[in-house]
């Protein structure tokens, strides 16, 4: 390659077509050489000038030639034990440990050493042992193969097909050994605190996507969880209708009669309750109720789950007036927990019965709107949130009921905090956990961190302002004016003109945004998670974005669970 500046042959040129010397002369910056302490021009971050670099390369080449031309020195490079002569002292030092008894016992057995000694003298010996075969295989794996040899192997492999058993062996070998639980714990402890590079994170993400597509099949009480709704209905309809009562036949054929039967119960009935009254099978009732779209009028799942009972017991301990499975407020549509004097309702959305097979994408949003029309705040609690972040959910409910300890922002001070403190606080106090942010503020009360607010580049839309990514208050606390104080301090400190933020409709109403001057500019459609109730895997939509995402994920046993979307707020100064 010819340099444009000096017209000389060079091994490497820059993007502009110049060699390093010419590029430094044209676009270089002054740097200090670590060898000669002279200033020189460089277009990159080199620490050594070009003259010293060429001098060092020449010295390396001369030293290499000198080592190759030097003759052996028998006195200094001869092994005192076996009298073997080496090229240099380094070779001798590497050889001497092989005469150690412990080293020899660790590497080879006595029988293997005899065979190796006989082989060195040209004598034949018996077949190789398994350990010798393993050693040869290992050496072949690490051996460098020339391009010519690779091409010969490639030509021989053309047209050759592997058997199914060979493919299975290769697949198992590539997959690797399944680790025990103890090994997983040791690995997790060993990896704690390690900094992972960007390339490694990308590799781990790709590997996680491959693993998530091969979960075990879901299992449930009916044994048909992997079937679509149409397949389940078709299978149930094949059942013989002998033994049906007239009431059961009428229930399955007449929607008005089905509504009349369901409304005749004092409380929302289960499938089993309806079957006992009609004298038919559970599957028949389930199919009829689905065809009529009456799932809201029955207690899906056959009864109250343990987590639903646990959540109700907690709310009941805070307020004795809490009502379970209320159907009067929304005219037949049930609210799992309703507190009339607080105008507050709570829905517990299970992973299985609230997925897309039973609830469409607008179900949770429509229920929230029905409550809003009646002046009721509805909080949706998803099953994995209660199981994994129970303390945060409890704190959220206490705050909504006005039972948190109240402090005032005027008693607090604002400080900038680092990413580690912010991440630890958000993981413990925010329902969505931590998210990467470029700017972070903390609110301190008596030297105790009580609230955190983070900012960063807008994530989902091109926007000329900044996004408020997270705002969280310590569990059990309520800070009057805390959000306003942190935001005003951030706008003075970093001179923001426009701030964007998202409010989760399934948890909050957005009144706190409106109180400090934000205006709602739009509302996003419902978001979703991919859930597998058999393996209890939860994946966000951003972890599964791919071509033909829906069909691939459903084939693997996953179903979508929808939330209510978000309100998008903007503050302009």
Protein backbone atom coordinates (compact mmCIF):
# COMPACT_ATOMS: atom_id res chain seq x y z
CA UNK A 1 0.00 0.00 0.00
CA UNK A 2 1.33 3.45 -1.03
CA UNK A 3 0.98 6.38 1.36
CA UNK A 4 -0.56 9.55 -0.13
CA UNK A 5 1.75 11.80 1.89
CA UNK A 6 5.22 10.31 1.45
CA UNK A 7 4.54 7.98 -1.53
CA UNK A 8 6.30 5.11 0.26
CA UNK A 9 5.30 1.47 0.56
CA UNK A 10 3.64 0.87 3.93
CA UNK A 11 2.11 -2.21 5.57
CA UNK A 12 -0.81 -0.29 7.07
CA UNK A 13 -2.60 2.96 6.22
CA UNK A 14 -5.24 5.02 8.00
CA UNK A 15 -8.78 5.58 6.72
CA UNK A 16 -7.56 8.72 4.94
CA UNK A 17 -4.83 6.78 3.11
CA UNK A 18 -1.85 8.08 5.15
CA UNK A 19 0.78 6.18 7.07
CA UNK A 20 1.30 6.81 10.78
CA UNK A 21 4.05 9.40 10.21
CA UNK A 22 2.01 11.48 7.75
CA UNK A 23 -1.21 11.15 9.75
CA UNK A 24 0.59 12.42 12.85
CA UNK A 25 2.11 15.30 10.89
CA UNK A 26 -1.31 16.37 9.53
CA UNK A 27 -3.81 15.57 12.31
CA UNK A 28 -1.57 14.67 15.24
CA UNK A 29 -1.58 15.80 18.86
CA UNK A 30 1.47 16.43 21.04
CA UNK A 31 2.37 13.57 23.37
CA UNK A 32 5.41 12.68 25.52
CA UNK A 33 7.41 9.54 24.67
CA UNK A 34 7.94 7.18 27.60
CA UNK A 35 11.33 6.09 26.25
CA UNK A 36 13.11 9.34 25.38
CA UNK A 37 10.79 11.90 27.11
CA UNK A 38 10.56 13.95 23.94
CA UNK A 39 7.36 15.48 22.62
CA UNK A 40 6.07 14.03 19.36
CA UNK A 41 2.95 14.21 17.21
CA UNK A 42 0.59 11.22 17.25
CA UNK A 43 -2.87 10.67 15.75
CA UNK A 44 -3.73 7.97 18.32
CA UNK A 45 -2.91 7.25 21.97
CA UNK A 46 0.56 5.81 21.40
CA UNK A 47 2.92 6.27 24.35
CA UNK A 48 6.16 5.81 22.35
CA UNK A 49 7.40 7.96 19.49
CA UNK A 50 8.00 6.47 16.06
CA UNK A 51 11.82 6.65 16.28
CA UNK A 52 11.89 4.73 19.57
CA UNK A 53 9.36 2.26 18.21
CA UNK A 54 11.51 1.45 15.18
CA UNK A 55 14.60 1.21 17.38
CA UNK A 56 12.88 -1.26 19.74
CA UNK A 57 11.67 -3.39 16.84
CA UNK A 58 15.18 -3.55 15.41
CA UNK A 59 16.58 -4.54 18.81
CA UNK A 60 14.03 -7.36 19.07
CA UNK A 61 14.91 -8.69 15.63
CA UNK A 62 18.65 -8.57 16.40
CA UNK A 63 18.14 -10.37 19.72
CA UNK A 64 16.12 -13.06 17.97
CA UNK A 65 18.81 -13.59 15.33
CA UNK A 66 21.48 -13.65 18.03
CA UNK A 67 19.64 -16.36 19.96
CA UNK A 68 19.22 -18.46 16.82
CA UNK A 69 22.90 -18.13 15.85
CA UNK A 70 24.30 -18.85 19.29
CA UNK A 71 25.63 -22.37 19.86
CA UNK A 72 24.64 -24.49 22.79
CA UNK A 73 26.58 -24.07 25.97
CA UNK A 74 26.84 -27.66 27.31
CA UNK A 75 28.12 -26.55 30.69
CA UNK A 76 25.18 -24.24 31.50
CA UNK A 77 22.36 -25.93 29.53
CA UNK A 78 22.88 -29.60 30.42
CA UNK A 79 20.52 -31.40 32.79
CA UNK A 80 22.58 -32.67 35.77
CA UNK A 81 20.22 -35.66 36.19
CA UNK A 82 19.68 -37.09 32.69
CA UNK A 83 22.52 -35.23 30.86
CA UNK A 84 20.12 -33.82 28.26
CA UNK A 85 21.42 -30.67 26.50
CA UNK A 86 19.01 -27.74 25.91
CA UNK A 87 19.17 -24.68 23.68
CA UNK A 88 18.97 -22.22 26.54
CA UNK A 89 18.65 -21.88 30.30
CA UNK A 90 14.86 -21.40 30.10
CA UNK A 91 14.41 -24.82 28.51
CA UNK A 92 16.51 -26.41 31.23
CA UNK A 93 14.48 -24.73 33.99
CA UNK A 94 11.24 -26.03 32.48
CA UNK A 95 12.70 -29.54 32.25
CA UNK A 96 14.07 -29.88 35.79
CA UNK A 97 10.65 -30.23 37.56
CA UNK A 98 9.96 -33.40 35.54
CA UNK A 99 12.55 -35.22 37.66
CA UNK A 100 10.55 -34.54 40.82
CA UNK A 101 8.89 -37.75 42.10
CA UNK A 102 5.66 -35.96 42.96
CA UNK A 103 5.55 -34.37 39.53
CA UNK A 104 6.07 -37.71 37.78
CA UNK A 105 3.44 -39.44 39.88
CA UNK A 106 0.99 -36.69 39.08
CA UNK A 107 1.60 -36.88 35.34
CA UNK A 108 2.28 -40.52 34.44
CA UNK A 109 2.06 -43.93 36.04
CA UNK A 110 5.05 -46.26 36.23
CA UNK A 111 3.63 -48.47 33.47
CA UNK A 112 3.11 -45.49 31.16
CA UNK A 113 6.68 -44.28 31.70
CA UNK A 114 8.03 -47.72 30.77
CA UNK A 115 5.99 -47.76 27.59
CA UNK A 116 7.14 -44.28 26.68
CA UNK A 117 10.77 -45.28 27.35
CA UNK A 118 10.44 -48.40 25.18
CA UNK A 119 8.82 -46.38 22.40
CA UNK A 120 11.72 -43.91 22.48
CA UNK A 121 14.17 -46.78 21.88
CA UNK A 122 12.24 -47.95 18.83
CA UNK A 123 10.68 -51.00 20.49
CA UNK A 124 7.03 -51.94 19.97
CA UNK A 125 4.61 -52.15 22.84
CA UNK A 126 0.98 -53.05 23.41
CA UNK A 127 -2.14 -50.99 22.59
CA UNK A 128 -2.53 -47.49 24.04
CA UNK A 129 -4.36 -47.04 27.32
CA UNK A 130 -7.36 -44.74 27.70
CA UNK A 131 -5.25 -42.06 29.39
CA UNK A 132 -2.80 -42.09 26.45
CA UNK A 133 -5.65 -41.77 23.98
CA UNK A 134 -7.02 -38.80 25.94
CA UNK A 135 -3.59 -37.16 25.92
CA UNK A 136 -3.33 -37.60 22.13
CA UNK A 137 -6.84 -36.22 21.57
CA UNK A 138 -6.02 -33.20 23.74
CA UNK A 139 -2.82 -32.53 21.82
CA UNK A 140 -4.70 -32.78 18.51
CA UNK A 141 -7.29 -30.27 19.70
CA UNK A 142 -4.65 -27.70 20.58
CA UNK A 143 -2.57 -28.33 17.45
CA UNK A 144 -2.56 -25.63 14.80
CA UNK A 145 -3.83 -26.90 11.45
CA UNK A 146 -2.65 -25.27 8.24
CA UNK A 147 -5.10 -23.88 5.72
CA UNK A 148 -4.06 -26.56 3.21
CA UNK A 149 -4.92 -29.33 5.69
CA UNK A 150 -8.23 -27.67 6.52
CA UNK A 151 -9.13 -27.57 2.84
CA UNK A 152 -8.32 -31.29 2.45
CA UNK A 153 -10.54 -32.14 5.42
CA UNK A 154 -13.29 -29.94 4.02
CA UNK A 155 -13.14 -31.68 0.62
CA UNK A 156 -13.30 -35.11 2.24
CA UNK A 157 -16.34 -34.10 4.28
CA UNK A 158 -18.32 -32.96 1.20
CA UNK A 159 -21.24 -35.26 0.58
CA UNK A 160 -20.78 -37.12 3.84
CA UNK A 161 -23.89 -37.29 6.04
CA UNK A 162 -23.81 -37.99 9.77
CA UNK A 163 -26.06 -40.57 11.37
CA UNK A 164 -28.71 -39.52 13.86
CA UNK A 165 -26.78 -41.15 16.72
CA UNK A 166 -23.63 -39.20 15.80
CA UNK A 167 -25.59 -35.95 15.62
CA UNK A 168 -27.06 -36.64 19.06
CA UNK A 169 -23.59 -37.32 20.49
CA UNK A 170 -22.27 -34.08 18.99
CA UNK A 171 -25.23 -32.15 20.37
CA UNK A 172 -24.73 -33.56 23.87
CA UNK A 173 -20.99 -32.87 23.72
CA UNK A 174 -21.57 -29.27 22.62
CA UNK A 175 -24.25 -28.67 25.22
CA UNK A 176 -21.95 -29.64 28.07
CA UNK A 177 -22.40 -31.35 31.41
CA UNK A 178 -25.41 -30.40 33.53
CA UNK A 179 -24.19 -28.69 36.68
CA UNK A 180 -25.42 -29.67 40.12
CA UNK A 181 -27.06 -27.17 42.46
CA UNK A 182 -23.90 -26.95 44.60
CA UNK A 183 -21.79 -26.12 41.55
CA UNK A 184 -24.26 -23.43 40.48
CA UNK A 185 -24.09 -21.83 43.95
CA UNK A 186 -20.27 -21.88 43.90
CA UNK A 187 -20.21 -20.30 40.43
CA UNK A 188 -22.69 -17.60 41.42
CA UNK A 189 -20.58 -16.72 44.49
CA UNK A 190 -17.41 -16.69 42.38
CA UNK A 191 -18.93 -14.33 39.82
CA UNK A 192 -20.24 -11.80 42.36
CA UNK A 193 -18.55 -8.44 42.00
CA UNK A 194 -16.83 -9.27 38.70
CA UNK A 195 -16.96 -6.67 35.94
CA UNK A 196 -18.32 -8.16 32.72
CA UNK A 197 -17.30 -6.68 29.37
CA UNK A 198 -19.82 -5.57 26.76
CA UNK A 199 -18.91 -8.47 24.44
CA UNK A 200 -19.39 -11.00 27.25
CA UNK A 201 -22.78 -9.50 28.12
CA UNK A 202 -23.85 -9.86 24.48
CA UNK A 203 -22.75 -13.51 24.44
CA UNK A 204 -24.61 -14.20 27.69
CA UNK A 205 -27.73 -12.52 26.29
CA UNK A 206 -27.64 -14.69 23.16
CA UNK A 207 -27.14 -17.83 25.26
CA UNK A 208 -30.06 -16.85 27.52
CA UNK A 209 -32.34 -16.43 24.52
CA UNK A 210 -31.46 -19.91 23.31
CA UNK A 211 -32.14 -21.39 26.74
CA UNK A 212 -35.47 -19.64 27.12
CA UNK A 213 -36.84 -21.27 23.97
CA UNK A 214 -36.51 -24.81 25.34
CA UNK A 215 -38.48 -24.97 28.61
CA UNK A 216 -40.25 -28.07 29.82
CA UNK A 217 -43.88 -28.43 28.90
CA UNK A 218 -46.38 -26.80 31.19
CA UNK A 219 -48.46 -28.96 33.43
CA UNK A 220 -51.79 -28.13 35.01
CA UNK A 221 -54.80 -29.85 36.45
CA UNK A 222 -56.42 -30.43 33.04
CA UNK A 223 -53.26 -31.69 31.30
CA UNK A 224 -53.95 -29.59 28.17
CA UNK A 225 -52.06 -26.37 28.92
CA UNK A 226 -49.95 -26.53 25.74
CA UNK A 227 -53.03 -26.66 23.50
CA UNK A 228 -54.66 -23.63 21.97
CA UNK A 229 -58.20 -22.66 22.96
CA UNK A 230 -59.63 -24.15 19.74
CA UNK A 231 -57.79 -27.45 20.28
CA UNK A 232 -58.96 -27.64 23.89
CA UNK A 233 -62.56 -26.90 22.88
CA UNK A 234 -62.49 -29.49 20.11
CA UNK A 235 -61.14 -32.14 22.45
CA UNK A 236 -63.76 -31.42 25.09
CA UNK A 237 -66.60 -31.42 22.54
CA UNK A 238 -65.69 -34.97 21.55
CA UNK A 239 -66.86 -36.15 24.97
CA UNK A 240 -70.19 -37.96 24.87
CA UNK A 241 -73.18 -36.03 26.07
CA UNK A 242 -74.84 -38.97 27.71
CA UNK A 243 -75.88 -38.46 31.31
CA UNK A 244 -76.41 -34.72 30.91
CA UNK A 245 -79.30 -33.15 32.73
CA UNK A 246 -81.69 -30.88 30.88
CA UNK A 247 -80.40 -27.93 32.90
CA UNK A 248 -76.82 -28.64 31.79
CA UNK A 249 -77.83 -28.84 28.12
CA UNK A 250 -79.77 -25.59 28.40
CA UNK A 251 -76.83 -23.93 30.20
CA UNK A 252 -74.44 -24.83 27.37
CA UNK A 253 -76.85 -23.79 24.59
CA UNK A 254 -78.46 -20.61 25.99
CA UNK A 255 -76.36 -17.64 27.12
CA UNK A 256 -79.21 -15.88 28.95
CA UNK A 257 -79.94 -19.01 30.96
CA UNK A 258 -76.21 -19.36 31.76
CA UNK A 259 -76.13 -15.78 33.09
CA UNK A 260 -79.22 -16.50 35.17
CA UNK A 261 -77.60 -19.58 36.74
CA UNK A 262 -74.32 -17.78 37.49
CA UNK A 263 -76.08 -14.79 39.08
CA UNK A 264 -78.13 -17.07 41.31
CA UNK A 265 -75.10 -17.70 43.56
CA UNK A 266 -74.48 -15.40 46.53
CA UNK A 267 -70.76 -15.23 45.73
CA UNK A 268 -68.90 -15.72 42.50
CA UNK A 269 -69.03 -19.50 41.93
CA UNK A 270 -66.25 -21.83 40.87
CA UNK A 271 -66.56 -24.27 37.98
CA UNK A 272 -67.10 -27.03 40.51
CA UNK A 273 -70.00 -25.13 42.13
CA UNK A 274 -71.73 -24.72 38.76
CA UNK A 275 -71.20 -28.40 37.91
CA UNK A 276 -72.70 -29.53 41.21
CA UNK A 277 -75.79 -27.46 40.52
CA UNK A 278 -76.17 -28.60 36.88
CA UNK A 279 -74.97 -32.19 37.25
CA UNK A 280 -72.34 -32.24 34.49
CA UNK A 281 -68.59 -32.31 33.94
CA UNK A 282 -66.25 -29.40 34.67
CA UNK A 283 -64.89 -29.33 31.11
CA UNK A 284 -68.37 -28.87 29.66
CA UNK A 285 -69.07 -25.88 31.91
CA UNK A 286 -65.65 -24.36 31.17
CA UNK A 287 -66.15 -24.53 27.39
CA UNK A 288 -69.66 -23.06 27.57
CA UNK A 289 -68.58 -20.15 29.79
CA UNK A 290 -65.68 -19.34 27.49
CA UNK A 291 -67.86 -19.47 24.36
CA UNK A 292 -70.30 -17.04 25.99
CA UNK A 293 -67.49 -14.78 27.30
CA UNK A 294 -68.62 -15.06 30.95
CA UNK A 295 -65.24 -15.68 32.60
CA UNK A 296 -65.68 -12.59 34.79
CA UNK A 297 -68.70 -14.18 36.49
CA UNK A 298 -66.86 -17.29 37.72
CA UNK A 299 -63.94 -17.85 40.05
CA UNK A 300 -61.31 -19.18 37.67
CA UNK A 301 -58.88 -21.69 39.11
CA UNK A 302 -61.35 -23.60 41.24
CA UNK A 303 -60.96 -21.57 44.44
CA UNK A 304 -58.95 -18.99 46.30
CA UNK A 305 -55.21 -19.37 45.77
CA UNK A 306 -52.73 -19.24 48.62
CA UNK A 307 -51.24 -15.94 47.48
CA UNK A 308 -54.71 -14.39 47.11
CA UNK A 309 -55.53 -15.43 50.67
CA UNK A 310 -52.17 -14.12 51.87
CA UNK A 311 -52.72 -10.75 50.17
CA UNK A 312 -56.26 -10.41 51.55
CA UNK A 313 -55.08 -11.26 55.09
CA UNK A 314 -52.48 -8.49 54.84
CA UNK A 315 -55.03 -5.92 53.64
CA UNK A 316 -57.53 -7.09 56.26
CA UNK A 317 -54.93 -6.50 58.97
CA UNK A 318 -54.68 -2.87 57.81
CA UNK A 319 -58.40 -2.25 57.34
CA UNK A 320 -61.22 -4.36 58.79
CA UNK A 321 -63.69 -3.05 56.20
CA UNK A 322 -61.88 -4.76 53.28
CA UNK A 323 -64.26 -6.87 51.16
CA UNK A 324 -63.18 -10.02 49.35
CA UNK A 325 -64.53 -10.90 45.87
CA UNK A 326 -66.84 -7.90 45.64
CA UNK A 327 -69.32 -8.11 42.71
CA UNK A 328 -71.70 -5.28 43.52
CA UNK A 329 -69.47 -2.27 42.82
CA UNK A 330 -68.92 -3.06 39.10
CA UNK A 331 -72.34 -4.66 38.50
CA UNK A 332 -71.31 -8.31 38.41
CA UNK A 333 -67.61 -7.89 37.54
CA UNK A 334 -65.55 -9.01 40.49
CA UNK A 335 -62.92 -7.05 42.40
CA UNK A 336 -60.57 -9.36 44.33
CA UNK A 337 -60.22 -6.90 47.24
CA UNK A 338 -62.23 -3.71 47.73
CA UNK A 339 -61.89 -1.14 50.53
CA UNK A 340 -64.96 1.13 50.34
CA UNK A 341 -63.86 3.86 52.78
CA UNK A 342 -60.56 4.32 50.90
CA UNK A 343 -62.04 3.99 47.37
CA UNK A 344 -59.27 1.50 46.73
CA UNK A 345 -59.39 -1.88 44.97
CA UNK A 346 -56.67 -4.50 44.48
CA UNK A 347 -56.51 -7.17 41.78
CA UNK A 348 -54.19 -10.17 42.04
CA UNK A 349 -53.38 -11.34 38.50
CA UNK A 350 -52.11 -14.92 38.36
CA UNK A 351 -49.64 -16.04 35.75
CA UNK A 352 -51.84 -18.78 34.28
CA UNK A 353 -55.45 -17.61 34.55
CA UNK A 354 -54.63 -14.05 33.46
CA UNK A 355 -52.61 -14.90 30.34
CA UNK A 356 -53.80 -14.28 26.80
CA UNK A 357 -55.65 -17.62 26.62
CA UNK A 358 -58.15 -16.28 29.16
CA UNK A 359 -57.67 -12.48 29.19
CA UNK A 360 -57.24 -10.29 26.10
CA UNK A 361 -54.84 -7.36 25.87
CA UNK A 362 -57.46 -4.79 26.97
CA UNK A 363 -58.93 -6.72 29.93
CA UNK A 364 -56.86 -5.16 32.75
CA UNK A 365 -57.02 -1.67 31.21
CA UNK A 366 -60.80 -1.83 30.79
CA UNK A 367 -61.24 -2.91 34.41
CA UNK A 368 -59.06 -0.01 35.53
CA UNK A 369 -61.19 2.42 33.52
CA UNK A 370 -64.40 1.02 35.01
CA UNK A 371 -63.01 1.71 38.48
CA UNK A 372 -61.87 5.21 37.48
CA UNK A 373 -65.39 6.04 36.28
CA UNK A 374 -66.61 5.25 39.81
CA UNK A 375 -63.82 7.18 41.53
CA UNK A 376 -61.94 4.01 42.60
CA UNK A 377 -58.19 3.53 42.34
CA UNK A 378 -57.35 0.00 41.16
CA UNK A 379 -53.91 -1.48 41.85
CA UNK A 380 -52.94 -4.55 39.80
CA UNK A 381 -50.55 -6.93 41.58
CA UNK A 382 -49.09 -9.62 39.36
CA UNK A 383 -48.24 -13.03 40.77
CA UNK A 384 -44.45 -12.75 40.31
CA UNK A 385 -44.43 -9.29 41.91
CA UNK A 386 -46.04 -10.65 45.07
CA UNK A 387 -43.72 -13.66 45.17
CA UNK A 388 -40.48 -11.82 44.42
CA UNK A 389 -41.06 -8.25 45.68
CA UNK A 390 -43.61 -8.72 48.41
CA UNK A 391 -42.22 -6.01 50.71
CA UNK A 392 -42.35 -3.39 47.94
CA UNK A 393 -45.97 -4.33 47.10
CA UNK A 394 -46.96 -4.10 50.78
CA UNK A 395 -45.33 -0.68 51.07
CA UNK A 396 -47.17 0.47 47.94
CA UNK A 397 -50.53 -0.66 49.35
CA UNK A 398 -49.86 1.01 52.71
CA UNK A 399 -48.98 4.24 50.92
CA UNK A 400 -52.19 4.08 48.85
CA UNK A 401 -54.17 3.63 52.08
CA UNK A 402 -52.41 6.59 53.74
CA UNK A 403 -50.75 4.44 56.41
CA UNK A 404 -47.06 5.18 55.65
CA UNK A 405 -44.94 7.28 58.00
CA UNK A 406 -44.99 10.84 56.68
CA UNK A 407 -41.98 13.18 56.54
CA UNK A 408 -41.51 16.52 54.78
CA UNK A 409 -39.07 17.41 52.01
CA UNK A 410 -38.12 20.69 53.76
CA UNK A 411 -36.51 18.57 56.48
CA UNK A 412 -34.33 16.76 53.89
CA UNK A 413 -31.22 17.61 51.87
CA UNK A 414 -30.40 16.71 48.25
CA UNK A 415 -27.08 15.11 47.25
CA UNK A 416 -25.64 13.54 44.13
CA UNK A 417 -25.10 9.80 44.56
CA UNK A 418 -23.08 7.20 42.65
CA UNK A 419 -24.50 4.35 40.59
CA UNK A 420 -23.85 1.67 43.23
CA UNK A 421 -25.87 3.43 45.94
CA UNK A 422 -28.64 4.22 43.46
CA UNK A 423 -28.85 0.66 42.12
CA UNK A 424 -28.96 -0.85 45.61
CA UNK A 425 -31.71 1.54 46.75
CA UNK A 426 -33.88 1.07 43.62
CA UNK A 427 -33.61 -2.73 43.72
CA UNK A 428 -34.93 -2.67 47.28
CA UNK A 429 -37.61 0.01 46.89
CA UNK A 430 -38.81 0.21 43.25
CA UNK A 431 -41.17 -2.41 41.79
CA UNK A 432 -39.25 -2.41 38.48
CA UNK A 433 -35.81 -2.35 40.04
CA UNK A 434 -32.77 -0.44 38.83
CA UNK A 435 -32.12 0.90 35.34
CA UNK A 436 -28.96 2.44 33.90
CA UNK A 437 -28.92 6.22 34.38
CA UNK A 438 -26.41 8.98 33.73
CA UNK A 439 -27.58 11.36 36.49
CA UNK A 440 -28.68 10.42 40.02
CA UNK A 441 -29.93 12.37 43.04
CA UNK A 442 -30.64 11.22 46.58
CA UNK A 443 -32.82 12.76 49.27
CA UNK A 444 -31.37 12.44 52.78
CA UNK A 445 -33.18 12.78 56.10
CA UNK A 446 -30.86 12.81 59.13
CA UNK A 447 -28.05 11.31 56.97
CA UNK A 448 -30.36 8.47 55.90
CA UNK A 449 -31.20 7.99 52.19
CA UNK A 450 -35.00 8.12 51.88
CA UNK A 451 -35.62 8.76 48.16
CA UNK A 452 -33.82 8.47 44.82
CA UNK A 453 -34.50 10.05 41.42
CA UNK A 454 -32.53 9.15 38.27
CA UNK A 455 -32.34 10.68 34.80
CA UNK A 456 -31.00 9.57 31.45
CA UNK A 457 -31.36 9.65 27.70
CA UNK A 458 -34.95 8.84 26.53
CA UNK A 459 -35.21 5.10 25.92
CA UNK A 460 -38.17 4.60 23.61
CA UNK A 461 -38.52 7.72 21.45
CA UNK A 462 -36.39 10.42 19.86
CA UNK A 463 -36.75 13.35 22.24
CA UNK A 464 -34.81 16.60 22.62
CA UNK A 465 -35.08 16.61 26.42
CA UNK A 466 -34.21 14.15 29.18
CA UNK A 467 -36.21 11.33 30.75
CA UNK A 468 -36.91 10.87 34.45
CA UNK A 469 -36.24 7.14 34.64
CA UNK A 470 -36.97 6.27 38.27
CA UNK A 471 -38.36 7.84 41.42
CA UNK A 472 -38.57 5.67 44.52
CA UNK A 473 -39.18 6.29 48.22
CA UNK A 474 -37.91 4.07 51.01
CA UNK A 475 -40.35 1.35 52.06
CA UNK A 476 -42.84 2.45 54.69
CA UNK A 477 -42.28 6.19 54.09
CA UNK A 478 -44.26 8.95 52.39
CA UNK A 479 -42.41 12.21 51.62
CA UNK A 480 -44.51 15.34 51.13
CA UNK A 481 -42.88 17.40 48.38
CA UNK A 482 -40.04 14.93 47.85
CA UNK A 483 -40.60 14.48 44.12
CA UNK A 484 -40.87 18.24 43.53
CA UNK A 485 -37.71 19.00 45.53
CA UNK A 486 -35.57 16.45 43.71
CA UNK A 487 -36.84 17.51 40.28
CA UNK A 488 -36.36 21.25 40.87
CA UNK A 489 -32.83 20.63 42.18
CA UNK A 490 -32.00 18.54 39.09
CA UNK A 491 -33.31 21.25 36.74
CA UNK A 492 -31.18 23.90 38.47
CA UNK A 493 -28.10 21.67 38.60
CA UNK A 494 -28.15 20.30 35.05
CA UNK A 495 -30.31 22.98 33.40
CA UNK A 496 -33.05 20.81 31.93
CA UNK A 497 -35.62 22.48 29.71
CA UNK A 498 -37.85 19.48 29.02
CA UNK A 499 -38.42 16.36 31.11
CA UNK A 500 -40.26 13.22 29.99
CA UNK A 501 -41.53 10.44 32.27
CA UNK A 502 -43.74 7.33 32.16
CA UNK A 503 -46.41 6.49 34.75
CA UNK A 504 -47.47 2.83 35.13
CA UNK A 505 -51.28 2.80 34.94
CA UNK A 506 -51.56 -0.61 36.60
CA UNK A 507 -50.13 0.86 39.84
CA UNK A 508 -50.55 4.65 39.85
CA UNK A 509 -52.99 7.36 38.77
CA UNK A 510 -50.45 10.05 37.74
CA UNK A 511 -51.77 12.69 40.17
CA UNK A 512 -48.31 13.22 41.67
CA UNK A 513 -47.02 14.23 38.21
CA UNK A 514 -49.89 16.63 37.60
CA UNK A 515 -49.43 18.22 41.04
CA UNK A 516 -45.91 19.45 40.15
CA UNK A 517 -46.74 20.75 36.67
CA UNK A 518 -46.43 17.75 34.33
CA UNK A 519 -48.94 17.40 31.49
CA UNK A 520 -50.03 14.11 29.96
CA UNK A 521 -49.20 14.08 26.23
CA UNK A 522 -50.25 10.54 25.31
CA UNK A 523 -50.95 7.02 26.57
CA UNK A 524 -49.12 3.91 25.44
CA UNK A 525 -50.94 0.66 24.61
CA UNK A 526 -50.75 -2.23 27.12
CA UNK A 527 -47.35 -3.84 27.48
CA UNK A 528 -46.80 -7.56 28.11
CA UNK A 529 -44.55 -10.19 29.65
CA UNK A 530 -43.98 -13.71 28.34
CA UNK A 531 -44.80 -16.16 31.14
CA UNK A 532 -44.44 -19.92 31.43
CA UNK A 533 -46.50 -21.15 34.38
CA UNK A 534 -44.89 -24.61 34.18
CA UNK A 535 -41.28 -23.44 34.63
CA UNK A 536 -42.19 -20.07 36.21
CA UNK A 537 -40.08 -18.20 33.64
CA UNK A 538 -40.80 -14.47 33.19
CA UNK A 539 -39.42 -12.60 30.16
CA UNK A 540 -40.02 -9.02 29.08
CA UNK A 541 -40.96 -8.22 25.50
CA UNK A 542 -37.52 -6.63 25.02
CA UNK A 543 -35.80 -9.93 25.83
CA UNK A 544 -37.73 -11.80 23.13
CA UNK A 545 -37.83 -9.41 20.20
CA UNK A 546 -37.33 -11.52 17.11
CA UNK A 547 -38.94 -12.39 13.81
CA UNK A 548 -42.21 -14.32 14.23
CA UNK A 549 -41.92 -13.78 18.01
CA UNK A 550 -45.49 -14.77 18.92
CA UNK A 551 -45.54 -18.16 17.16
CA UNK A 552 -42.07 -19.14 18.39
CA UNK A 553 -42.81 -18.27 22.01
CA UNK A 554 -46.21 -19.97 22.01
CA UNK A 555 -44.69 -23.14 20.55
CA UNK A 556 -42.30 -23.15 23.52
CA UNK A 557 -45.12 -22.99 26.09
CA UNK A 558 -45.10 -19.25 26.82
CA UNK A 559 -48.16 -17.02 26.99
CA UNK A 560 -48.48 -13.23 27.20
CA UNK A 561 -49.76 -11.45 30.31
CA UNK A 562 -50.81 -7.85 29.59
CA UNK A 563 -50.64 -4.82 31.84
CA UNK A 564 -52.50 -1.50 31.44
CA UNK A 565 -49.88 0.52 29.55
CA UNK A 566 -48.39 3.84 30.68
CA UNK A 567 -49.25 7.52 30.74
CA UNK A 568 -46.55 9.71 29.18
CA UNK A 569 -46.00 13.01 31.01
CA UNK A 570 -43.93 16.03 29.97
CA UNK A 571 -42.70 19.05 31.89
CA UNK A 572 -41.56 22.10 29.90
CA UNK A 573 -39.81 25.08 31.47
